Amino acid sequence: MTNFQIGAQMYSVRNHCQNADEMLLTMKALKAMGYNTCQLSGQNRAIPAEQLKDMLDESGLTCACTHIGFQEMEEDLDKVIRFHKTLGCEYPGIGGLPGEYRTSPEGFVEFAKKASPIAEKLLDNGLHFIYHNHAFEFTRFEKVGKTGLELLFENASPALQFELDVFWVQMGGANPLEWIEKVRGRMDVVHFKEMNGSMENRGVIAPIGKGNINWTAIMNACDDIGVKYAMIEQDNAVEQGSLDCMLYSLTTLKKLGGRF
C-alpha cells in the first residue's frame, strides 16, 4: 500500500458543487465511495471558511490542499493564511500560472521572484505554497535553452513546492518519472490524471485505468520521493458523469495498492 494518501480534487465534481447544500451532499458521496481527503477547487468561493470546515467535518473528509487565485495571495496573504488555518489545510496552491507570465523566459523568472516571498511567508506560518503545472511550461525558450518549468524551479525559493500533474507533464512532451525525481524534496502533493491517447493526437483526459499512464511506476516514484498526497483530477468528468468517474478512478488505484 502507498505511503501517500489519495484524495479527490473537487474541481472534478464542480457540477455538483453549485451551492453549499449540493456541495455537502457531494462530499458525503465521495466519503461513501472511500475518499477521506480532498482538494478544494472550483467550489463556490462565497462559502465562508468556517462553513466549509463544518461541511468537511459533517461529511468526514479533510481538506489536504486548495487551488486559489495568485491575485488573492498577492492582495491579502494574511486572509489566505487565516482561511487555510480554519480549514486545517496545509497546502494552499494555484491551479495555473497567470497569463501575463507565460510567454517569455523573463515572465517565468518574474513570477518566481514574486511567488518566492509569498511561499516563504506561508512556510513561516506552517503552510506550503504548491504550484500546479499544465503543458505550456514544457515549451523550450530557445534564447535561454530552458523550459518554463525549469526556469521556475531554478529561480524560485525552495519554499515554493510543485504539484506536478502527470497528465500535463506527459502532454507537454516530458517524462513524468524524470520530473518526479527532479522535484524531490519540493513536492508533497501530486495530481493523478489519466491520458487516453498521445501528445500527437491530443490525448484526452479519462478516468484512471482507461488510459496509458503507467500508474504503478508513478505511484512507486511518488512514494520514493516522499509525496504525502495524490489528488485525482479529471477536468472533463463533468461531461462523462463526474461521480461515476471518480469512483472508477478510486477503484483502479485501490487495486494497485493506493491508500485512501
C-alpha atoms as a PDB file:
ATOM      1  CA  MET A   1       0.000   0.000   0.000  1.00  0.00           C
ATOM      2  CA  THR A   2       1.233   3.505  -0.779  1.00  0.00           C
ATOM      3  CA  ASN A   3       2.595   5.695   1.997  1.00  0.00           C
ATOM      4  CA  PHE A   4       0.891   8.742   0.495  1.00  0.00           C
ATOM      5  CA  GLN A   5      -2.863   9.259   0.737  1.00  0.00           C
ATOM      6  CA  ILE A   6      -5.038   9.604  -2.368  1.00  0.00           C
ATOM      7  CA  GLY A   7      -7.854  12.149  -2.399  1.00  0.00           C
ATOM      8  CA  ALA A   8     -10.422  13.809  -4.637  1.00  0.00           C
ATOM      9  CA  GLN A   9      -9.876  17.098  -6.441  1.00  0.00           C
ATOM     10  CA  MET A  10     -13.276  18.782  -6.037  1.00  0.00           C
ATOM     11  CA  TYR A  11     -12.846  20.553  -9.389  1.00  0.00           C
ATOM     12  CA  SER A  12     -13.626  17.174 -10.967  1.00  0.00           C
ATOM     13  CA  VAL A  13     -17.137  17.262  -9.473  1.00  0.00           C
ATOM     14  CA  ARG A  14     -17.714  21.023  -9.693  1.00  0.00           C
ATOM     15  CA  ASN A  15     -21.079  20.458 -11.405  1.00  0.00           C
ATOM     16  CA  HIS A  16     -22.286  19.014  -8.098  1.00  0.00           C
ATOM     17  CA  CYS A  17     -20.955  21.920  -6.014  1.00  0.00           C
ATOM     18  CA  GLN A  18     -23.111  24.817  -7.181  1.00  0.00           C
ATOM     19  CA  ASN A  19     -24.229  25.733  -3.652  1.00  0.00           C
ATOM     20  CA  ALA A  20     -23.376  24.728  -0.094  1.00  0.00           C
ATOM     21  CA  ASP A  21     -26.151  22.139   0.267  1.00  0.00           C
ATOM     22  CA  GLU A  22     -25.226  20.456  -3.006  1.00  0.00           C
ATOM     23  CA  MET A  23     -21.544  20.521  -2.160  1.00  0.00           C
ATOM     24  CA  LEU A  24     -22.142  18.870   1.209  1.00  0.00           C
ATOM     25  CA  LEU A  25     -24.070  16.050  -0.463  1.00  0.00           C
ATOM     26  CA  THR A  26     -21.191  15.633  -2.919  1.00  0.00           C
ATOM     27  CA  MET A  27     -18.654  15.491  -0.103  1.00  0.00           C
ATOM     28  CA  LYS A  28     -20.741  12.795   1.575  1.00  0.00           C
ATOM     29  CA  ALA A  29     -20.956  10.873  -1.715  1.00  0.00           C
ATOM     30  CA  LEU A  30     -17.163  10.959  -2.088  1.00  0.00           C
ATOM     31  CA  LYS A  31     -16.751   9.797   1.500  1.00  0.00           C
ATOM     32  CA  ALA A  32     -19.167   6.917   0.861  1.00  0.00           C
ATOM     33  CA  MET A  33     -17.056   5.850  -2.139  1.00  0.00           C
ATOM     34  CA  GLY A  34     -13.978   5.604   0.068  1.00  0.00           C
ATOM     35  CA  TYR A  35     -12.330   9.018  -0.187  1.00  0.00           C
ATOM     36  CA  ASN A  36     -11.128  10.535   3.086  1.00  0.00           C
ATOM     37  CA  THR A  37      -9.458  13.738   1.930  1.00  0.00           C
ATOM     38  CA  CYS A  38      -9.991  16.284  -0.825  1.00  0.00           C
ATOM     39  CA  GLN A  39      -8.692  19.375  -2.575  1.00  0.00           C
ATOM     40  CA  LEU A  40     -10.998  22.365  -2.573  1.00  0.00           C
ATOM     41  CA  SER A  41     -11.025  23.959  -6.011  1.00  0.00           C
ATOM     42  CA  GLY A  42     -13.853  25.055  -8.245  1.00  0.00           C
ATOM     43  CA  GLN A  43     -16.296  25.250  -5.359  1.00  0.00           C
ATOM     44  CA  ASN A  44     -18.471  28.256  -4.557  1.00  0.00           C
ATOM     45  CA  ARG A  45     -15.948  30.798  -3.266  1.00  0.00           C
ATOM     46  CA  ALA A  46     -18.699  32.649  -1.416  1.00  0.00           C
ATOM     47  CA  ILE A  47     -18.908  29.881   1.193  1.00  0.00           C
ATOM     48  CA  PRO A  48     -17.063  31.111   4.328  1.00  0.00           C
ATOM     49  CA  ALA A  49     -14.144  29.100   5.677  1.00  0.00           C
ATOM     50  CA  GLU A  50     -15.974  28.310   8.918  1.00  0.00           C
ATOM     51  CA  GLN A  51     -18.915  26.859   6.999  1.00  0.00           C
ATOM     52  CA  LEU A  52     -16.605  24.859   4.729  1.00  0.00           C
ATOM     53  CA  LYS A  53     -14.889  23.405   7.798  1.00  0.00           C
ATOM     54  CA  ASP A  54     -18.272  22.406   9.245  1.00  0.00           C
ATOM     55  CA  MET A  55     -19.164  20.761   5.921  1.00  0.00           C
ATOM     56  CA  LEU A  56     -15.889  18.857   5.872  1.00  0.00           C
ATOM     57  CA  ASP A  57     -16.432  17.686   9.435  1.00  0.00           C
ATOM     58  CA  GLU A  58     -20.017  16.603   8.749  1.00  0.00           C
ATOM     59  CA  SER A  59     -19.005  14.672   5.633  1.00  0.00           C
ATOM     60  CA  GLY A  60     -15.993  13.039   7.273  1.00  0.00           C
ATOM     61  CA  LEU A  61     -13.496  14.473   4.786  1.00  0.00           C
ATOM     62  CA  THR A  62     -10.388  16.524   5.457  1.00  0.00           C
ATOM     63  CA  CYS A  63      -9.032  19.209   3.131  1.00  0.00           C
ATOM     64  CA  ALA A  64      -5.411  18.482   2.251  1.00  0.00           C
ATOM     65  CA  CYS A  65      -4.892  21.293  -0.248  1.00  0.00           C
ATOM     66  CA  THR A  66      -6.553  24.020  -2.299  1.00  0.00           C
ATOM     67  CA  HIS A  67      -6.343  25.963  -5.520  1.00  0.00           C
ATOM     68  CA  ILE A  68      -6.953  29.688  -5.216  1.00  0.00           C
ATOM     69  CA  GLY A  69      -6.007  32.692  -7.333  1.00  0.00           C
ATOM     70  CA  PHE A  70      -2.467  34.060  -7.217  1.00  0.00           C
ATOM     71  CA  GLN A  71      -4.022  37.520  -7.037  1.00  0.00           C
ATOM     72  CA  GLU A  72      -5.625  36.554  -3.715  1.00  0.00           C
ATOM     73  CA  MET A  73      -2.196  35.723  -2.338  1.00  0.00           C
ATOM     74  CA  GLU A  74      -0.730  38.995  -3.598  1.00  0.00           C
ATOM     75  CA  GLU A  75      -3.548  41.169  -2.285  1.00  0.00           C
ATOM     76  CA  ASP A  76      -4.193  39.703   1.184  1.00  0.00           C
ATOM     77  CA  LEU A  77      -1.901  36.858   2.174  1.00  0.00           C
ATOM     78  CA  ASP A  78      -2.925  37.113   5.818  1.00  0.00           C
ATOM     79  CA  LYS A  79      -6.513  36.363   4.782  1.00  0.00           C
ATOM     80  CA  VAL A  80      -5.303  33.347   2.790  1.00  0.00           C
ATOM     81  CA  ILE A  81      -3.411  32.110   5.845  1.00  0.00           C
ATOM     82  CA  ARG A  82      -6.464  32.502   8.086  1.00  0.00           C
ATOM     83  CA  PHE A  83      -8.648  30.684   5.540  1.00  0.00           C
ATOM     84  CA  HIS A  84      -6.342  27.673   5.403  1.00  0.00           C
ATOM     85  CA  LYS A  85      -5.754  27.579   9.151  1.00  0.00           C
ATOM     86  CA  THR A  86      -9.527  27.490   9.662  1.00  0.00           C
ATOM     87  CA  LEU A  87      -9.822  24.534   7.283  1.00  0.00           C
ATOM     88  CA  GLY A  88      -6.865  22.731   8.834  1.00  0.00           C
ATOM     89  CA  CYS A  89      -5.331  22.742   5.353  1.00  0.00           C
ATOM     90  CA  GLU A  90      -1.553  22.818   4.966  1.00  0.00           C
ATOM     91  CA  TYR A  91      -1.195  23.274   1.197  1.00  0.00           C
ATOM     92  CA  PRO A  92      -2.581  26.407  -0.490  1.00  0.00           C
ATOM     93  CA  GLY A  93      -1.834  26.429  -4.188  1.00  0.00           C
ATOM     94  CA  ILE A  94      -2.606  27.948  -7.548  1.00  0.00           C
ATOM     95  CA  GLY A  95      -4.104  25.987 -10.408  1.00  0.00           C
ATOM     96  CA  GLY A  96      -2.208  27.741 -13.170  1.00  0.00           C
ATOM     97  CA  LEU A  97       0.315  30.441 -13.997  1.00  0.00           C
ATOM     98  CA  PRO A  98      -1.322  33.836 -14.655  1.00  0.00           C
ATOM     99  CA  GLY A  99      -1.313  34.577 -18.386  1.00  0.00           C
ATOM    100  CA  GLU A 100       0.972  37.593 -18.263  1.00  0.00           C
ATOM    101  CA  TYR A 101       3.934  35.433 -17.173  1.00  0.00           C
ATOM    102  CA  ARG A 102       3.583  32.595 -19.677  1.00  0.00           C
ATOM    103  CA  THR A 103       5.017  33.872 -22.952  1.00  0.00           C
ATOM    104  CA  SER A 104       8.685  34.569 -22.198  1.00  0.00           C
ATOM    105  CA  PRO A 105      11.535  33.330 -20.020  1.00  0.00           C
ATOM    106  CA  GLU A 106      11.558  36.726 -18.342  1.00  0.00           C
ATOM    107  CA  GLY A 107       7.929  36.193 -17.385  1.00  0.00           C
ATOM    108  CA  PHE A 108       8.668  32.905 -15.629  1.00  0.00           C
ATOM    109  CA  VAL A 109      11.595  34.460 -13.761  1.00  0.00           C
ATOM    110  CA  GLU A 110       9.449  37.442 -12.749  1.00  0.00           C
ATOM    111  CA  PHE A 111       6.755  35.123 -11.411  1.00  0.00           C
ATOM    112  CA  ALA A 112       9.371  33.123  -9.499  1.00  0.00           C
ATOM    113  CA  LYS A 113      10.583  36.302  -7.817  1.00  0.00           C
ATOM    114  CA  LYS A 114       7.036  37.388  -6.920  1.00  0.00           C
ATOM    115  CA  ALA A 115       5.992  33.953  -5.676  1.00  0.00           C
ATOM    116  CA  SER A 116       9.091  33.359  -3.540  1.00  0.00           C
ATOM    117  CA  PRO A 117       8.389  35.781  -0.654  1.00  0.00           C
ATOM    118  CA  ILE A 118       4.778  34.574  -0.602  1.00  0.00           C
ATOM    119  CA  ALA A 119       5.959  30.961  -0.337  1.00  0.00           C
ATOM    120  CA  GLU A 120       8.399  31.914   2.414  1.00  0.00           C
ATOM    121  CA  LYS A 121       5.757  33.731   4.476  1.00  0.00           C
ATOM    122  CA  LEU A 122       3.380  30.794   4.079  1.00  0.00           C
ATOM    123  CA  LEU A 123       6.139  28.450   5.241  1.00  0.00           C
ATOM    124  CA  ASP A 124       6.784  30.674   8.263  1.00  0.00           C
ATOM    125  CA  ASN A 125       3.114  30.102   9.111  1.00  0.00           C
ATOM    126  CA  GLY A 126       3.274  26.337   8.732  1.00  0.00           C
ATOM    127  CA  LEU A 127       1.819  26.270   5.198  1.00  0.00           C
ATOM    128  CA  HIS A 128       3.274  25.243   1.832  1.00  0.00           C
ATOM    129  CA  PHE A 129       2.664  27.062  -1.474  1.00  0.00           C
ATOM    130  CA  ILE A 130       2.100  24.463  -4.230  1.00  0.00           C
ATOM    131  CA  TYR A 131       2.283  25.243  -7.966  1.00  0.00           C
ATOM    132  CA  HIS A 132       0.199  23.201 -10.423  1.00  0.00           C
ATOM    133  CA  ASN A 133       1.511  22.897 -13.980  1.00  0.00           C
ATOM    134  CA  HIS A 134      -0.090  22.480 -17.386  1.00  0.00           C
ATOM    135  CA  ALA A 135       1.613  21.590 -20.680  1.00  0.00           C
ATOM    136  CA  PHE A 136       2.800  25.066 -21.701  1.00  0.00           C
ATOM    137  CA  GLU A 137       5.522  25.091 -19.006  1.00  0.00           C
ATOM    138  CA  PHE A 138       7.394  22.486 -21.058  1.00  0.00           C
ATOM    139  CA  THR A 139       7.823  24.731 -24.096  1.00  0.00           C
ATOM    140  CA  ARG A 140      11.541  25.413 -24.500  1.00  0.00           C
ATOM    141  CA  PHE A 141      12.591  29.035 -24.881  1.00  0.00           C
ATOM    142  CA  GLU A 142      15.370  28.940 -27.469  1.00  0.00           C
ATOM    143  CA  LYS A 143      17.180  32.067 -26.272  1.00  0.00           C
ATOM    144  CA  VAL A 144      17.833  30.529 -22.856  1.00  0.00           C
ATOM    145  CA  GLY A 145      17.658  26.837 -23.782  1.00  0.00           C
ATOM    146  CA  LYS A 146      15.287  26.042 -20.929  1.00  0.00           C
ATOM    147  CA  THR A 147      11.621  25.329 -20.395  1.00  0.00           C
ATOM    148  CA  GLY A 148       9.348  27.498 -18.321  1.00  0.00           C
ATOM    149  CA  LEU A 149       9.136  24.927 -15.536  1.00  0.00           C
ATOM    150  CA  GLU A 150      12.918  24.623 -15.421  1.00  0.00           C
ATOM    151  CA  LEU A 151      13.156  28.404 -15.052  1.00  0.00           C
ATOM    152  CA  LEU A 152      10.580  28.407 -12.285  1.00  0.00           C
ATOM    153  CA  PHE A 153      12.308  25.534 -10.494  1.00  0.00           C
ATOM    154  CA  GLU A 154      15.715  27.220 -10.679  1.00  0.00           C
ATOM    155  CA  ASN A 155      14.654  30.780  -9.827  1.00  0.00           C
ATOM    156  CA  ALA A 156      12.010  30.313  -7.135  1.00  0.00           C
ATOM    157  CA  SER A 157      12.722  29.926  -3.447  1.00  0.00           C
ATOM    158  CA  PRO A 158      12.949  26.314  -2.256  1.00  0.00           C
ATOM    159  CA  ALA A 159       9.875  27.215  -0.194  1.00  0.00           C
ATOM    160  CA  LEU A 160       7.822  27.043  -3.410  1.00  0.00           C
ATOM    161  CA  GLN A 161       6.661  23.471  -3.904  1.00  0.00           C
ATOM    162  CA  PHE A 162       5.461  21.807  -7.091  1.00  0.00           C
ATOM    163  CA  GLU A 163       2.198  19.948  -7.567  1.00  0.00           C
ATOM    164  CA  LEU A 164       3.075  18.053 -10.723  1.00  0.00           C
ATOM    165  CA  ASP A 165       0.131  16.998 -12.863  1.00  0.00           C
ATOM    166  CA  VAL A 166       1.347  13.814 -14.530  1.00  0.00           C
ATOM    167  CA  PHE A 167      -1.070  14.160 -17.466  1.00  0.00           C
ATOM    168  CA  TRP A 168       0.113  17.665 -18.309  1.00  0.00           C
ATOM    169  CA  VAL A 169       3.773  16.712 -17.881  1.00  0.00           C
ATOM    170  CA  GLN A 170       3.299  13.930 -20.429  1.00  0.00           C
ATOM    171  CA  MET A 171       1.168  16.163 -22.655  1.00  0.00           C
ATOM    172  CA  GLY A 172       3.982  18.710 -22.638  1.00  0.00           C
ATOM    173  CA  GLY A 173       6.378  16.126 -24.038  1.00  0.00           C
ATOM    174  CA  ALA A 174       8.286  15.496 -20.807  1.00  0.00           C
ATOM    175  CA  ASN A 175       8.741  12.343 -18.745  1.00  0.00           C
ATOM    176  CA  PRO A 176       6.663  12.373 -15.535  1.00  0.00           C
ATOM    177  CA  LEU A 177       9.057   9.973 -13.789  1.00  0.00           C
ATOM    178  CA  GLU A 178      12.038  12.232 -14.510  1.00  0.00           C
ATOM    179  CA  TRP A 179      10.204  15.278 -13.205  1.00  0.00           C
ATOM    180  CA  ILE A 180       9.008  13.494 -10.078  1.00  0.00           C
ATOM    181  CA  GLU A 181      12.652  12.765  -9.291  1.00  0.00           C
ATOM    182  CA  LYS A 182      13.707  16.326 -10.196  1.00  0.00           C
ATOM    183  CA  VAL A 183      11.348  17.881  -7.646  1.00  0.00           C
ATOM    184  CA  ARG A 184      12.385  15.501  -4.848  1.00  0.00           C
ATOM    185  CA  GLY A 185      12.147  17.444  -1.601  1.00  0.00           C
ATOM    186  CA  ARG A 186       9.842  20.036  -3.172  1.00  0.00           C
ATOM    187  CA  MET A 187       6.663  18.053  -3.852  1.00  0.00           C
ATOM    188  CA  ASP A 188       4.321  16.895  -1.119  1.00  0.00           C
ATOM    189  CA  VAL A 189       1.214  16.920  -3.350  1.00  0.00           C
ATOM    190  CA  VAL A 190       0.820  15.463  -6.855  1.00  0.00           C
ATOM    191  CA  HIS A 191      -2.065  15.340  -9.324  1.00  0.00           C
ATOM    192  CA  PHE A 192      -3.067  11.966 -10.732  1.00  0.00           C
ATOM    193  CA  LYS A 193      -4.770  12.402 -14.106  1.00  0.00           C
ATOM    194  CA  GLU A 194      -5.135   9.787 -16.851  1.00  0.00           C
ATOM    195  CA  MET A 195      -4.240  10.199 -20.535  1.00  0.00           C
ATOM    196  CA  ASN A 196      -6.167   8.251 -23.160  1.00  0.00           C
ATOM    197  CA  GLY A 197      -4.201   8.744 -26.374  1.00  0.00           C
ATOM    198  CA  SER A 198      -0.930  10.540 -27.003  1.00  0.00           C
ATOM    199  CA  MET A 199       0.538  14.003 -27.228  1.00  0.00           C
ATOM    200  CA  GLU A 200       0.486  13.770 -31.018  1.00  0.00           C
ATOM    201  CA  ASN A 201      -3.261  13.123 -31.270  1.00  0.00           C
ATOM    202  CA  ARG A 202      -4.152  15.464 -28.417  1.00  0.00           C
ATOM    203  CA  GLY A 203      -4.618  12.797 -25.795  1.00  0.00           C
ATOM    204  CA  VAL A 204      -7.750  13.266 -23.764  1.00  0.00           C
ATOM    205  CA  ILE A 205      -8.313  13.085 -20.018  1.00  0.00           C
ATOM    206  CA  ALA A 206     -10.003   9.887 -18.842  1.00  0.00           C
ATOM    207  CA  PRO A 207     -10.848   8.029 -15.636  1.00  0.00           C
ATOM    208  CA  ILE A 208      -7.731   6.424 -14.188  1.00  0.00           C
ATOM    209  CA  GLY A 209      -7.379   2.953 -15.648  1.00  0.00           C
ATOM    210  CA  LYS A 210      -8.809   3.881 -19.045  1.00  0.00           C
ATOM    211  CA  GLY A 211      -5.597   5.287 -20.480  1.00  0.00           C
ATOM    212  CA  ASN A 212      -1.906   4.630 -20.970  1.00  0.00           C
ATOM    213  CA  ILE A 213      -0.101   6.152 -17.984  1.00  0.00           C
ATOM    214  CA  ASN A 214       1.983   3.625 -16.042  1.00  0.00           C
ATOM    215  CA  TRP A 215       0.388   4.135 -12.649  1.00  0.00           C
ATOM    216  CA  THR A 216       2.432   1.508 -10.837  1.00  0.00           C
ATOM    217  CA  ALA A 217       5.648   3.288 -11.825  1.00  0.00           C
ATOM    218  CA  ILE A 218       4.185   6.709 -10.988  1.00  0.00           C
ATOM    219  CA  MET A 219       2.986   5.553  -7.566  1.00  0.00           C
ATOM    220  CA  ASN A 220       6.324   3.932  -6.743  1.00  0.00           C
ATOM    221  CA  ALA A 221       8.194   7.086  -7.772  1.00  0.00           C
ATOM    222  CA  CYS A 222       5.920   9.281  -5.654  1.00  0.00           C
ATOM    223  CA  ASP A 223       6.422   7.036  -2.645  1.00  0.00           C
ATOM    224  CA  ASP A 224      10.174   7.108  -3.201  1.00  0.00           C
ATOM    225  CA  ILE A 225      10.427  10.915  -3.006  1.00  0.00           C
ATOM    226  CA  GLY A 226       8.096  11.208  -0.018  1.00  0.00           C
ATOM    227  CA  VAL A 227       4.886  12.538  -1.562  1.00  0.00           C
ATOM    228  CA  LYS A 228       2.160  12.912   1.082  1.00  0.00           C
ATOM    229  CA  TYR A 229      -0.978  13.364  -1.036  1.00  0.00           C
ATOM    230  CA  ALA A 230      -2.081  12.456  -4.563  1.00  0.00           C
ATOM    231  CA  MET A 231      -5.234  14.162  -5.801  1.00  0.00           C
ATOM    232  CA  ILE A 232      -7.338  12.524  -8.504  1.00  0.00           C
ATOM    233  CA  GLU A 233      -8.363  15.152 -11.030  1.00  0.00           C
ATOM    234  CA  GLN A 234     -10.433  14.674 -14.170  1.00  0.00           C
ATOM    235  CA  ASP A 235     -11.126  18.049 -15.764  1.00  0.00           C
ATOM    236  CA  ASN A 236     -13.697  16.662 -18.208  1.00  0.00           C
ATOM    237  CA  ALA A 237     -15.506  14.370 -15.760  1.00  0.00           C
ATOM    238  CA  VAL A 238     -18.490  16.731 -15.775  1.00  0.00           C
ATOM    239  CA  GLU A 239     -19.280  15.638 -19.338  1.00  0.00           C
ATOM    240  CA  GLN A 240     -18.860  11.933 -18.515  1.00  0.00           C
ATOM    241  CA  GLY A 241     -20.684  11.597 -15.181  1.00  0.00           C
ATOM    242  CA  SER A 242     -18.273  13.056 -12.663  1.00  0.00           C
ATOM    243  CA  LEU A 243     -19.150  10.960  -9.611  1.00  0.00           C
ATOM    244  CA  ASP A 244     -19.040   7.738 -11.641  1.00  0.00           C
ATOM    245  CA  CYS A 245     -15.624   8.763 -12.992  1.00  0.00           C
ATOM    246  CA  MET A 246     -14.278   9.456  -9.509  1.00  0.00           C
ATOM    247  CA  LEU A 247     -15.481   6.045  -8.324  1.00  0.00           C
ATOM    248  CA  TYR A 248     -13.845   4.318 -11.306  1.00  0.00           C
ATOM    249  CA  SER A 249     -10.513   6.060 -10.638  1.00  0.00           C
ATOM    250  CA  LEU A 250     -10.651   5.200  -6.945  1.00  0.00           C
ATOM    251  CA  THR A 251     -11.387   1.549  -7.707  1.00  0.00           C
ATOM    252  CA  THR A 252      -8.460   1.350 -10.145  1.00  0.00           C
ATOM    253  CA  LEU A 253      -5.943   2.860  -7.745  1.00  0.00           C
ATOM    254  CA  LYS A 254      -7.143   0.744  -4.820  1.00  0.00           C
ATOM    255  CA  LYS A 255      -6.406  -2.367  -6.886  1.00  0.00           C
ATOM    256  CA  LEU A 256      -2.878  -1.012  -7.435  1.00  0.00           C
ATOM    257  CA  GLY A 257      -2.331  -0.527  -3.711  1.00  0.00           C
ATOM    258  CA  GLY A 258      -3.374   3.085  -3.354  1.00  0.00           C
ATOM    259  CA  ARG A 259      -4.111   4.252   0.187  1.00  0.00           C
ATOM    260  CA  PHE A 260      -7.254   6.316   0.638  1.00  0.00           C
END
